[in-house]
Protein backbone atom coordinates (compact mmCIF):
# COMPACT_ATOMS: atom_id res chain seq x y z
CA UNK A 1 -0.17 0.07 0.17
CA UNK A 2 2.92 2.30 0.93
CA UNK A 3 4.08 1.82 -2.67
CA UNK A 4 0.87 2.69 -4.19
CA UNK A 5 0.65 5.90 -2.01
CA UNK A 6 4.03 6.76 -3.19
CA UNK A 7 2.98 6.41 -6.88
CA UNK A 8 -0.09 8.64 -6.22
CA UNK A 9 2.00 11.43 -4.65
CA UNK A 10 4.41 11.22 -7.71
CA UNK A 11 1.58 11.67 -9.99
CA UNK A 12 -0.09 14.51 -8.40
CA UNK A 13 3.24 16.18 -7.88
CA UNK A 14 4.06 15.91 -11.72
CA UNK A 15 0.29 17.12 -12.58
CA UNK A 16 0.82 20.08 -10.47
CA UNK A 17 4.20 20.95 -12.13
CA UNK A 18 3.08 20.55 -15.48
CA UNK A 19 -0.46 21.72 -15.22
CA UNK A 20 -2.14 18.67 -16.69
CA UNK A 21 0.41 16.44 -17.37
CA UNK A 22 0.49 14.53 -20.49
CA UNK A 23 2.87 11.96 -22.14
CA UNK A 24 4.96 14.46 -24.24
CA UNK A 25 5.61 16.39 -21.03
CA UNK A 26 6.95 12.80 -19.75
CA UNK A 27 9.01 12.63 -22.88
CA UNK A 28 10.70 15.70 -23.53
CA UNK A 29 11.25 17.11 -19.90
CA UNK A 30 12.58 14.12 -18.08
CA UNK A 31 14.69 16.47 -15.83
CA UNK A 32 11.90 17.43 -13.98
CA UNK A 33 10.83 13.69 -13.68
CA UNK A 34 14.19 13.29 -11.85
CA UNK A 35 14.30 16.23 -9.91
CA UNK A 36 10.55 15.39 -8.46
CA UNK A 37 11.80 12.00 -7.38
CA UNK A 38 14.79 13.46 -5.93
CA UNK A 39 12.73 15.83 -3.66
CA UNK A 40 10.69 12.36 -2.69
CA UNK A 41 13.53 9.96 -2.33
CA UNK A 42 16.83 10.14 -1.28
CA UNK A 43 19.17 7.32 -0.96
CA UNK A 44 16.51 4.87 -1.41
CA UNK A 45 14.18 6.50 1.50
CA UNK A 46 11.17 8.48 1.08
CA UNK A 47 11.95 11.75 2.82
CA UNK A 48 9.05 13.87 1.43
CA UNK A 49 5.47 13.15 0.68
CA UNK A 50 3.90 16.73 1.18
CA UNK A 51 2.87 17.85 -2.30
CA UNK A 52 3.54 21.43 -1.74
CA UNK A 53 6.79 20.90 -0.56
CA UNK A 54 7.69 18.70 -3.21
CA UNK A 55 6.41 21.19 -6.10
CA UNK A 56 8.24 24.26 -4.33
CA UNK A 57 11.66 22.30 -4.15
CA UNK A 58 11.19 21.39 -7.89
CA UNK A 59 10.32 24.90 -8.91
CA UNK A 60 13.17 26.39 -6.77
CA UNK A 61 15.60 24.02 -8.78
CA UNK A 62 14.15 26.03 -11.97
CA UNK A 63 13.90 22.69 -14.08
CA UNK A 64 9.88 22.65 -14.86
CA UNK A 65 9.93 23.74 -18.48
CA UNK A 66 6.46 25.26 -19.70
CA UNK A 67 4.30 23.86 -22.39
CA UNK A 68 4.26 25.73 -25.54
CA UNK A 69 1.14 27.26 -26.14
CA UNK A 70 -0.50 25.49 -29.41
CA UNK A 71 -1.80 28.50 -31.10
CA UNK A 72 -3.28 26.04 -34.23
CA UNK A 73 -5.98 24.27 -32.14
CA UNK A 74 -8.51 25.26 -34.47
CA UNK A 75 -6.91 23.83 -37.38
CA UNK A 76 -5.82 20.86 -35.90
CA UNK A 77 -4.25 17.98 -37.86
CA UNK A 78 -0.75 16.56 -37.85
CA UNK A 79 0.81 19.92 -38.69
CA UNK A 80 -0.17 21.62 -35.69
CA UNK A 81 0.99 18.83 -33.52
CA UNK A 82 4.29 18.17 -35.28
CA UNK A 83 5.07 22.02 -35.08
CA UNK A 84 3.94 21.86 -31.21
CA UNK A 85 6.31 19.20 -30.61
CA UNK A 86 9.30 20.73 -32.73
CA UNK A 87 8.74 24.13 -30.72
CA UNK A 88 8.91 21.75 -27.54
CA UNK A 89 12.28 20.48 -28.74
CA UNK A 90 13.66 24.11 -29.50
CA UNK A 91 13.18 23.78 -33.28
CA UNK A 92 10.98 26.62 -33.97
CA UNK A 93 8.76 25.30 -36.75
CA UNK A 94 11.13 23.04 -38.27
CA UNK A 95 9.90 19.36 -38.41
CA UNK A 96 12.07 16.37 -38.62
CA UNK A 97 10.54 13.76 -41.28
CA UNK A 98 12.55 10.79 -40.31
CA UNK A 99 15.28 9.13 -42.23
């Protein structure tokens, strides 16, 4: 039961940090994931489960990246998604089309 509670606190902390967390947040901002775990667990021992303290500690480290605002929601489609992902990678409007 303790492990399930720890996972719940971790997910809630990520949800507060990313303001409605999604899969792309987890993929492109893994530093924030590690910082959050670092605030909760030290040396294999759970040291903090208070959400406010965890979120404040991660924000104090400055590792939380803000998600780019998707201005093309009205048009939708894969182009809007790809440009939003590219913007999140710091590539501006450039999209990588594979090999």
